[in-house]
């Protein structure tokens, strides 16, 4: 979009680019997105939780079998 502006506009082009980036960043912040690091951290927590759940389910089956 910025590249479509004529070169003669000089400073206007850089101002438009800065304004466009700021507007885009603001829009993304309002979308309540998470960073890649936050996503990967939560994914690791979920994997550990699933592993623990599988262990607990297996233990529960063992206990039920004893009864």
Protein backbone atom coordinates (compact mmCIF):
# COMPACT_ATOMS: atom_id res chain seq x y z
CA UNK A 1 0.00 0.00 0.00
CA UNK A 2 2.80 2.40 0.94
CA UNK A 3 4.74 1.51 -2.20
CA UNK A 4 1.83 2.76 -4.31
CA UNK A 5 2.49 6.35 -3.18
CA UNK A 6 4.58 8.45 -5.59
CA UNK A 7 8.24 9.02 -4.67
CA UNK A 8 7.74 12.78 -4.81
CA UNK A 9 5.74 12.66 -1.62
CA UNK A 10 8.95 11.91 0.34
CA UNK A 11 8.15 12.60 4.01
CA UNK A 12 4.48 11.92 3.50
CA UNK A 13 5.37 8.40 2.45
CA UNK A 14 7.38 7.74 5.62
CA UNK A 15 4.66 9.37 7.76
CA UNK A 16 2.00 7.25 6.07
CA UNK A 17 4.09 4.13 6.66
CA UNK A 18 4.53 4.95 10.36
CA UNK A 19 0.80 5.67 10.75
CA UNK A 20 -0.12 2.48 8.93
CA UNK A 21 2.17 0.39 11.16
CA UNK A 22 0.78 2.04 14.29
CA UNK A 23 -2.81 1.42 13.17
CA UNK A 24 -2.02 -2.20 12.33
CA UNK A 25 -0.29 -2.76 15.68
CA UNK A 26 -3.26 -1.20 17.50
CA UNK A 27 -5.71 -3.41 15.64
CA UNK A 28 -3.72 -6.52 16.48
CA UNK A 29 -3.59 -5.57 20.17
CA UNK A 30 -7.38 -5.22 20.26
CA UNK A 31 -7.73 -8.73 18.85
CA UNK A 32 -6.38 -10.11 22.14
CA UNK A 33 -3.81 -12.33 20.42
CA UNK A 34 -1.06 -14.20 22.22
CA UNK A 35 2.60 -14.33 21.34
CA UNK A 36 4.26 -17.45 19.97
CA UNK A 37 6.14 -17.82 23.28
CA UNK A 38 2.91 -17.67 25.31
CA UNK A 39 1.29 -20.21 23.00
CA UNK A 40 4.22 -22.62 23.23
CA UNK A 41 4.36 -22.26 27.01
CA UNK A 42 0.66 -23.11 27.35
CA UNK A 43 1.07 -25.98 24.91
CA UNK A 44 3.85 -27.44 27.09
CA UNK A 45 1.68 -27.06 30.20
CA UNK A 46 -1.17 -28.85 28.44
CA UNK A 47 1.11 -31.71 27.35
CA UNK A 48 2.37 -32.20 30.93
CA UNK A 49 -1.20 -32.10 32.22
CA UNK A 50 -2.29 -34.73 29.70
CA UNK A 51 0.62 -36.97 30.71
CA UNK A 52 -0.32 -36.67 34.37
CA UNK A 53 -3.97 -37.38 33.55
CA UNK A 54 -3.03 -40.52 31.63
CA UNK A 55 -0.98 -41.74 34.61
CA UNK A 56 -3.87 -41.05 36.98
CA UNK A 57 -6.35 -42.80 34.69
CA UNK A 58 -4.13 -45.87 34.50
CA UNK A 59 -3.75 -45.89 38.29
CA UNK A 60 -7.51 -45.58 38.72
CA UNK A 61 -8.04 -48.57 36.41
CA UNK A 62 -5.59 -50.55 38.51
CA UNK A 63 -7.43 -49.65 41.70
CA UNK A 64 -10.81 -50.50 40.17
CA UNK A 65 -9.45 -53.88 39.05
CA UNK A 66 -8.38 -54.70 42.62
CA UNK A 67 -11.90 -54.18 43.95
